[in-house]
Amino acid sequence: MSAAENFTRIPPEEQQRILDACLEVFSQHGYAAASTNVIVKQAGIPKGTLFYYFGSKKDLFLYLLDIAIARYIKEVERHARELPDELFERLLYLGRERMNFALREPGLYRLLFNAFVNIPPEIQPEMQERLRRYAIAGQQNLLDGLDHSRFRPGVVVEQVISMVTLLMEGIYQRALPTLSRLSAEESLIYIDRLSGEVEQYFEMIQRGVYET
């Protein structure tokens, strides 16, 4: 039995108290600056108990991060039936849902924000695998139930999605230096401002790939 499996055997309310303490510290300070001494003090447990359950600070952080990713994906899937069938409306809808998730779950959002914007070198391999899984889930959400009838003959929808994804990745990379200086809350305002620029690019792409 793994250490994390031992953790799941303790009473749910005790699990939640420990996870709440971990989330508060990691979301406020990020992985590198988070102190396990502060975590155990807030959780009200001995330090040895924390490492008995999780093995290391890295394992604890990744355990909590997996919870955050799973909860976010579950939120997106919960709204899957409400997704617009038009590609660019769907992309904007998913963007708004990310914003809503950040407002509903600020601690989890800050954790995800800090994890993916400032990736510590020691957890980079594990983070790359999580990014890959996250990208696959996102691609599936884009494709399921998508209306293909508006595209010009010969247009490959998957290629359009790849092009749009690269565009958004480029905008994100350009914004990354600014985002890294902002708090998670400030980043929401900044990202909301960027969405106007994204919509302008979407309009240009639509003229190229849709039938008039």
C-alpha atoms as a PDB file:
ATOM      1  CA  MET A   1       0.000   0.000   0.000  1.00  0.00           C
ATOM      2  CA  SER A   2       1.355   3.431  -0.954  1.00  0.00           C
ATOM      3  CA  ALA A   3       1.644   6.312   1.473  1.00  0.00           C
ATOM      4  CA  ALA A   4      -1.166   8.165  -0.306  1.00  0.00           C
ATOM      5  CA  GLU A   5      -3.406   5.097   0.044  1.00  0.00           C
ATOM      6  CA  ASN A   6      -2.787   5.219   3.779  1.00  0.00           C
ATOM      7  CA  PHE A   7      -4.026   8.806   3.689  1.00  0.00           C
ATOM      8  CA  THR A   8      -7.328   7.767   2.116  1.00  0.00           C
ATOM      9  CA  ARG A   9      -7.968   5.347   5.005  1.00  0.00           C
ATOM     10  CA  ILE A  10      -8.194   8.066   7.655  1.00  0.00           C
ATOM     11  CA  PRO A  11     -11.570   9.739   8.414  1.00  0.00           C
ATOM     12  CA  PRO A  12     -12.776  12.060   5.610  1.00  0.00           C
ATOM     13  CA  GLU A  13     -12.973  15.097   7.881  1.00  0.00           C
ATOM     14  CA  GLU A  14      -9.326  14.602   8.882  1.00  0.00           C
ATOM     15  CA  GLN A  15      -8.335  14.226   5.240  1.00  0.00           C
ATOM     16  CA  GLN A  16     -10.111  17.465   4.404  1.00  0.00           C
ATOM     17  CA  ARG A  17      -8.480  19.375   7.253  1.00  0.00           C
ATOM     18  CA  ILE A  18      -5.019  18.319   6.095  1.00  0.00           C
ATOM     19  CA  LEU A  19      -5.759  19.029   2.440  1.00  0.00           C
ATOM     20  CA  ASP A  20      -7.214  22.444   3.274  1.00  0.00           C
ATOM     21  CA  ALA A  21      -4.005  23.352   5.121  1.00  0.00           C
ATOM     22  CA  CYS A  22      -1.869  22.108   2.214  1.00  0.00           C
ATOM     23  CA  LEU A  23      -3.966  23.991  -0.329  1.00  0.00           C
ATOM     24  CA  GLU A  24      -3.774  27.246   1.601  1.00  0.00           C
ATOM     25  CA  VAL A  25       0.004  27.140   1.937  1.00  0.00           C
ATOM     26  CA  PHE A  26       0.799  25.932  -1.596  1.00  0.00           C
ATOM     27  CA  SER A  27      -1.711  28.260  -3.269  1.00  0.00           C
ATOM     28  CA  GLN A  28      -0.419  31.290  -1.368  1.00  0.00           C
ATOM     29  CA  HIS A  29       3.306  30.624  -1.692  1.00  0.00           C
ATOM     30  CA  GLY A  30       3.784  28.263  -4.651  1.00  0.00           C
ATOM     31  CA  TYR A  31       5.711  25.017  -4.535  1.00  0.00           C
ATOM     32  CA  ALA A  32       9.234  26.305  -3.898  1.00  0.00           C
ATOM     33  CA  ALA A  33       8.406  28.701  -1.064  1.00  0.00           C
ATOM     34  CA  ALA A  34       5.783  26.549   0.658  1.00  0.00           C
ATOM     35  CA  SER A  35       6.863  25.327   4.088  1.00  0.00           C
ATOM     36  CA  THR A  36       5.856  21.912   5.380  1.00  0.00           C
ATOM     37  CA  ASN A  37       6.383  23.296   8.889  1.00  0.00           C
ATOM     38  CA  VAL A  38       3.611  25.798   8.266  1.00  0.00           C
ATOM     39  CA  ILE A  39       1.404  23.094   6.737  1.00  0.00           C
ATOM     40  CA  VAL A  40       1.643  20.752   9.724  1.00  0.00           C
ATOM     41  CA  LYS A  41       1.068  23.638  12.137  1.00  0.00           C
ATOM     42  CA  GLN A  42      -2.109  24.653  10.321  1.00  0.00           C
ATOM     43  CA  ALA A  43      -3.254  21.053   9.928  1.00  0.00           C
ATOM     44  CA  GLY A  44      -2.525  20.274  13.589  1.00  0.00           C
ATOM     45  CA  ILE A  45      -0.519  17.113  12.899  1.00  0.00           C
ATOM     46  CA  PRO A  46       3.106  16.050  13.531  1.00  0.00           C
ATOM     47  CA  LYS A  47       5.494  16.539  10.632  1.00  0.00           C
ATOM     48  CA  GLY A  48       6.298  12.834  10.617  1.00  0.00           C
ATOM     49  CA  THR A  49       2.620  12.074  10.028  1.00  0.00           C
ATOM     50  CA  LEU A  50       2.549  14.292   6.948  1.00  0.00           C
ATOM     51  CA  PHE A  51       5.515  12.486   5.420  1.00  0.00           C
ATOM     52  CA  TYR A  52       4.097   9.114   6.445  1.00  0.00           C
ATOM     53  CA  TYR A  53       1.063   9.899   4.281  1.00  0.00           C
ATOM     54  CA  PHE A  54       2.836  11.514   1.334  1.00  0.00           C
ATOM     55  CA  GLY A  55       6.524  10.603   1.470  1.00  0.00           C
ATOM     56  CA  SER A  56       7.882  13.985   0.407  1.00  0.00           C
ATOM     57  CA  LYS A  57       6.915  17.582  -0.235  1.00  0.00           C
ATOM     58  CA  LYS A  58       6.947  16.864  -3.970  1.00  0.00           C
ATOM     59  CA  ASP A  59       4.590  13.892  -3.632  1.00  0.00           C
ATOM     60  CA  LEU A  60       2.267  15.959  -1.454  1.00  0.00           C
ATOM     61  CA  PHE A  61       2.181  18.811  -3.978  1.00  0.00           C
ATOM     62  CA  LEU A  62       1.530  16.498  -6.929  1.00  0.00           C
ATOM     63  CA  TYR A  63      -1.226  14.708  -4.988  1.00  0.00           C
ATOM     64  CA  LEU A  64      -2.944  18.023  -4.328  1.00  0.00           C
ATOM     65  CA  LEU A  65      -2.384  19.184  -7.905  1.00  0.00           C
ATOM     66  CA  ASP A  66      -4.018  16.032  -9.269  1.00  0.00           C
ATOM     67  CA  ILE A  67      -7.062  16.772  -7.109  1.00  0.00           C
ATOM     68  CA  ALA A  68      -7.209  20.313  -8.508  1.00  0.00           C
ATOM     69  CA  ILE A  69      -6.892  19.133 -12.135  1.00  0.00           C
ATOM     70  CA  ALA A  70      -9.540  16.435 -11.646  1.00  0.00           C
ATOM     71  CA  ARG A  71     -11.950  18.920 -10.085  1.00  0.00           C
ATOM     72  CA  TYR A  72     -11.438  21.392 -12.916  1.00  0.00           C
ATOM     73  CA  ILE A  73     -11.985  18.734 -15.594  1.00  0.00           C
ATOM     74  CA  LYS A  74     -15.113  17.567 -13.746  1.00  0.00           C
ATOM     75  CA  GLU A  75     -16.418  21.158 -13.778  1.00  0.00           C
ATOM     76  CA  VAL A  76     -15.853  21.410 -17.536  1.00  0.00           C
ATOM     77  CA  GLU A  77     -17.541  18.066 -18.135  1.00  0.00           C
ATOM     78  CA  ARG A  78     -20.485  19.170 -15.990  1.00  0.00           C
ATOM     79  CA  HIS A  79     -21.144  21.939 -18.510  1.00  0.00           C
ATOM     80  CA  ALA A  80     -20.432  19.767 -21.567  1.00  0.00           C
ATOM     81  CA  ARG A  81     -24.099  19.662 -22.631  1.00  0.00           C
ATOM     82  CA  GLU A  82     -24.183  23.466 -22.621  1.00  0.00           C
ATOM     83  CA  LEU A  83     -21.199  23.839 -24.966  1.00  0.00           C
ATOM     84  CA  PRO A  84     -21.992  25.804 -28.146  1.00  0.00           C
ATOM     85  CA  ASP A  85     -21.623  23.679 -31.262  1.00  0.00           C
ATOM     86  CA  GLU A  86     -19.712  26.435 -33.113  1.00  0.00           C
ATOM     87  CA  LEU A  87     -15.952  26.171 -32.622  1.00  0.00           C
ATOM     88  CA  PHE A  88     -15.061  29.761 -31.764  1.00  0.00           C
ATOM     89  CA  GLU A  89     -18.078  30.286 -29.516  1.00  0.00           C
ATOM     90  CA  ARG A  90     -17.068  27.062 -27.778  1.00  0.00           C
ATOM     91  CA  LEU A  91     -13.512  28.294 -27.231  1.00  0.00           C
ATOM     92  CA  LEU A  92     -14.788  31.538 -25.710  1.00  0.00           C
ATOM     93  CA  TYR A  93     -17.299  29.614 -23.573  1.00  0.00           C
ATOM     94  CA  LEU A  94     -14.565  27.361 -22.200  1.00  0.00           C
ATOM     95  CA  GLY A  95     -12.471  30.437 -21.479  1.00  0.00           C
ATOM     96  CA  ARG A  96     -15.315  31.945 -19.481  1.00  0.00           C
ATOM     97  CA  GLU A  97     -15.782  28.677 -17.609  1.00  0.00           C
ATOM     98  CA  ARG A  98     -12.114  28.765 -16.606  1.00  0.00           C
ATOM     99  CA  MET A  99     -12.704  32.240 -15.241  1.00  0.00           C
ATOM    100  CA  ASN A 100     -15.812  31.090 -13.360  1.00  0.00           C
ATOM    101  CA  PHE A 101     -13.901  28.163 -11.895  1.00  0.00           C
ATOM    102  CA  ALA A 102     -11.252  30.588 -10.667  1.00  0.00           C
ATOM    103  CA  LEU A 103     -13.925  32.663  -8.942  1.00  0.00           C
ATOM    104  CA  ARG A 104     -15.654  29.635  -7.388  1.00  0.00           C
ATOM    105  CA  GLU A 105     -12.470  27.847  -6.342  1.00  0.00           C
ATOM    106  CA  PRO A 106      -9.851  30.574  -5.777  1.00  0.00           C
ATOM    107  CA  GLY A 107      -7.509  28.318  -3.794  1.00  0.00           C
ATOM    108  CA  LEU A 108      -7.468  25.594  -6.444  1.00  0.00           C
ATOM    109  CA  TYR A 109      -7.089  28.206  -9.175  1.00  0.00           C
ATOM    110  CA  ARG A 110      -4.101  29.783  -7.434  1.00  0.00           C
ATOM    111  CA  LEU A 111      -2.565  26.331  -7.030  1.00  0.00           C
ATOM    112  CA  LEU A 112      -2.984  25.550 -10.740  1.00  0.00           C
ATOM    113  CA  PHE A 113      -1.834  29.027 -11.750  1.00  0.00           C
ATOM    114  CA  ASN A 114       1.348  28.859  -9.683  1.00  0.00           C
ATOM    115  CA  ALA A 115       2.047  25.279 -10.787  1.00  0.00           C
ATOM    116  CA  PHE A 116       1.746  25.858 -14.535  1.00  0.00           C
ATOM    117  CA  VAL A 117       3.113  29.406 -14.761  1.00  0.00           C
ATOM    118  CA  ASN A 118       6.165  28.911 -12.528  1.00  0.00           C
ATOM    119  CA  ILE A 119       7.182  25.255 -12.883  1.00  0.00           C
ATOM    120  CA  PRO A 120      10.013  24.371 -10.473  1.00  0.00           C
ATOM    121  CA  PRO A 121      12.762  22.373 -12.240  1.00  0.00           C
ATOM    122  CA  GLU A 122      12.541  19.483  -9.773  1.00  0.00           C
ATOM    123  CA  ILE A 123       8.941  18.693 -10.711  1.00  0.00           C
ATOM    124  CA  GLN A 124       9.124  19.614 -14.408  1.00  0.00           C
ATOM    125  CA  PRO A 125       8.976  16.010 -15.737  1.00  0.00           C
ATOM    126  CA  GLU A 126       5.858  15.259 -13.689  1.00  0.00           C
ATOM    127  CA  MET A 127       4.304  18.567 -14.731  1.00  0.00           C
ATOM    128  CA  GLN A 128       4.900  17.890 -18.430  1.00  0.00           C
ATOM    129  CA  GLU A 129       2.987  14.619 -18.159  1.00  0.00           C
ATOM    130  CA  ARG A 130       0.103  16.400 -16.446  1.00  0.00           C
ATOM    131  CA  LEU A 131       0.099  19.105 -19.102  1.00  0.00           C
ATOM    132  CA  ARG A 132      -0.074  16.414 -21.775  1.00  0.00           C
ATOM    133  CA  ARG A 133      -3.085  14.741 -20.128  1.00  0.00           C
ATOM    134  CA  TYR A 134      -4.747  18.119 -19.653  1.00  0.00           C
ATOM    135  CA  ALA A 135      -4.228  18.948 -23.347  1.00  0.00           C
ATOM    136  CA  ILE A 136      -5.773  15.630 -24.439  1.00  0.00           C
ATOM    137  CA  ALA A 137      -8.857  16.249 -22.286  1.00  0.00           C
ATOM    138  CA  GLY A 138      -9.150  19.777 -23.690  1.00  0.00           C
ATOM    139  CA  GLN A 139      -8.903  18.548 -27.292  1.00  0.00           C
ATOM    140  CA  GLN A 140     -11.686  16.041 -26.657  1.00  0.00           C
ATOM    141  CA  ASN A 141     -13.944  18.766 -25.242  1.00  0.00           C
ATOM    142  CA  LEU A 142     -13.375  20.816 -28.385  1.00  0.00           C
ATOM    143  CA  LEU A 143     -14.235  18.009 -30.789  1.00  0.00           C
ATOM    144  CA  ASP A 144     -17.239  16.312 -29.157  1.00  0.00           C
ATOM    145  CA  GLY A 145     -20.483  17.478 -30.789  1.00  0.00           C
ATOM    146  CA  LEU A 146     -18.788  20.187 -32.862  1.00  0.00           C
ATOM    147  CA  ASP A 147     -20.731  21.553 -35.850  1.00  0.00           C
ATOM    148  CA  HIS A 148     -18.644  20.917 -38.994  1.00  0.00           C
ATOM    149  CA  SER A 149     -21.210  22.290 -41.458  1.00  0.00           C
ATOM    150  CA  ARG A 150     -19.874  25.870 -41.475  1.00  0.00           C
ATOM    151  CA  PHE A 151     -16.392  24.989 -42.650  1.00  0.00           C
ATOM    152  CA  ARG A 152     -15.334  25.415 -46.248  1.00  0.00           C
ATOM    153  CA  PRO A 153     -14.970  22.188 -48.261  1.00  0.00           C
ATOM    154  CA  GLY A 154     -11.521  20.698 -47.782  1.00  0.00           C
ATOM    155  CA  VAL A 155     -10.892  22.392 -44.440  1.00  0.00           C
ATOM    156  CA  VAL A 156      -9.585  19.887 -41.880  1.00  0.00           C
ATOM    157  CA  VAL A 157     -11.173  20.804 -38.575  1.00  0.00           C
ATOM    158  CA  GLU A 158      -8.383  19.246 -36.515  1.00  0.00           C
ATOM    159  CA  GLN A 159      -5.880  21.449 -38.332  1.00  0.00           C
ATOM    160  CA  VAL A 160      -7.962  24.539 -37.577  1.00  0.00           C
ATOM    161  CA  ILE A 161      -8.044  23.578 -33.903  1.00  0.00           C
ATOM    162  CA  SER A 162      -4.278  23.032 -33.937  1.00  0.00           C
ATOM    163  CA  MET A 163      -3.780  26.451 -35.560  1.00  0.00           C
ATOM    164  CA  VAL A 164      -6.038  28.155 -33.019  1.00  0.00           C
ATOM    165  CA  THR A 165      -4.329  26.300 -30.182  1.00  0.00           C
ATOM    166  CA  LEU A 166      -0.921  27.488 -31.413  1.00  0.00           C
ATOM    167  CA  LEU A 167      -2.254  31.039 -31.673  1.00  0.00           C
ATOM    168  CA  MET A 168      -3.557  30.955 -28.115  1.00  0.00           C
ATOM    169  CA  GLU A 169      -0.314  29.366 -26.923  1.00  0.00           C
ATOM    170  CA  GLY A 170       1.629  32.180 -28.594  1.00  0.00           C
ATOM    171  CA  ILE A 171      -0.530  34.802 -26.879  1.00  0.00           C
ATOM    172  CA  TYR A 172      -0.056  32.972 -23.590  1.00  0.00           C
ATOM    173  CA  GLN A 173       3.731  32.794 -24.016  1.00  0.00           C
ATOM    174  CA  ARG A 174       3.861  36.501 -24.834  1.00  0.00           C
ATOM    175  CA  ALA A 175       1.781  37.250 -21.740  1.00  0.00           C
ATOM    176  CA  LEU A 176       3.736  34.875 -19.485  1.00  0.00           C
ATOM    177  CA  PRO A 177       6.331  37.424 -18.249  1.00  0.00           C
ATOM    178  CA  THR A 178       3.506  39.720 -17.177  1.00  0.00           C
ATOM    179  CA  LEU A 179       1.450  36.881 -15.679  1.00  0.00           C
ATOM    180  CA  SER A 180       4.416  35.681 -13.641  1.00  0.00           C
ATOM    181  CA  ARG A 181       4.560  39.088 -11.922  1.00  0.00           C
ATOM    182  CA  LEU A 182       0.844  39.177 -11.101  1.00  0.00           C
ATOM    183  CA  SER A 183      -1.086  37.541  -8.336  1.00  0.00           C
ATOM    184  CA  ALA A 184      -3.604  34.871  -9.348  1.00  0.00           C
ATOM    185  CA  GLU A 185      -6.432  37.365  -8.810  1.00  0.00           C
ATOM    186  CA  GLU A 186      -4.730  40.102 -10.862  1.00  0.00           C
ATOM    187  CA  SER A 187      -4.140  37.574 -13.628  1.00  0.00           C
ATOM    188  CA  LEU A 188      -7.914  37.118 -14.031  1.00  0.00           C
ATOM    189  CA  ILE A 189      -8.288  40.809 -14.902  1.00  0.00           C
ATOM    190  CA  TYR A 190      -5.337  40.636 -17.283  1.00  0.00           C
ATOM    191  CA  ILE A 191      -6.615  37.480 -19.008  1.00  0.00           C
ATOM    192  CA  ASP A 192     -10.074  39.030 -19.361  1.00  0.00           C
ATOM    193  CA  ARG A 193      -8.451  41.950 -21.199  1.00  0.00           C
ATOM    194  CA  LEU A 194      -6.567  39.557 -23.470  1.00  0.00           C
ATOM    195  CA  SER A 195      -9.818  37.831 -24.428  1.00  0.00           C
ATOM    196  CA  GLY A 196     -10.771  40.871 -26.532  1.00  0.00           C
ATOM    197  CA  GLU A 197      -7.599  40.433 -28.571  1.00  0.00           C
ATOM    198  CA  VAL A 198      -8.324  36.727 -28.934  1.00  0.00           C
ATOM    199  CA  GLU A 199     -11.814  37.453 -30.282  1.00  0.00           C
ATOM    200  CA  GLN A 200     -10.344  39.710 -32.981  1.00  0.00           C
ATOM    201  CA  TYR A 201      -8.018  36.917 -34.111  1.00  0.00           C
ATOM    202  CA  PHE A 202     -10.930  34.486 -34.090  1.00  0.00           C
ATOM    203  CA  GLU A 203     -12.902  36.753 -36.445  1.00  0.00           C
ATOM    204  CA  MET A 204     -10.019  36.785 -38.925  1.00  0.00           C
ATOM    205  CA  ILE A 205      -9.659  32.999 -38.823  1.00  0.00           C
ATOM    206  CA  GLN A 206     -13.404  32.518 -39.251  1.00  0.00           C
ATOM    207  CA  ARG A 207     -13.310  34.469 -42.519  1.00  0.00           C
ATOM    208  CA  GLY A 208     -10.683  32.066 -43.816  1.00  0.00           C
ATOM    209  CA  VAL A 209     -12.158  28.724 -42.779  1.00  0.00           C
ATOM    210  CA  TYR A 210     -15.942  29.302 -42.889  1.00  0.00           C
ATOM    211  CA  GLU A 211     -18.157  29.477 -45.942  1.00  0.00           C
ATOM    212  CA  THR A 212     -19.571  32.946 -46.507  1.00  0.00           C
END
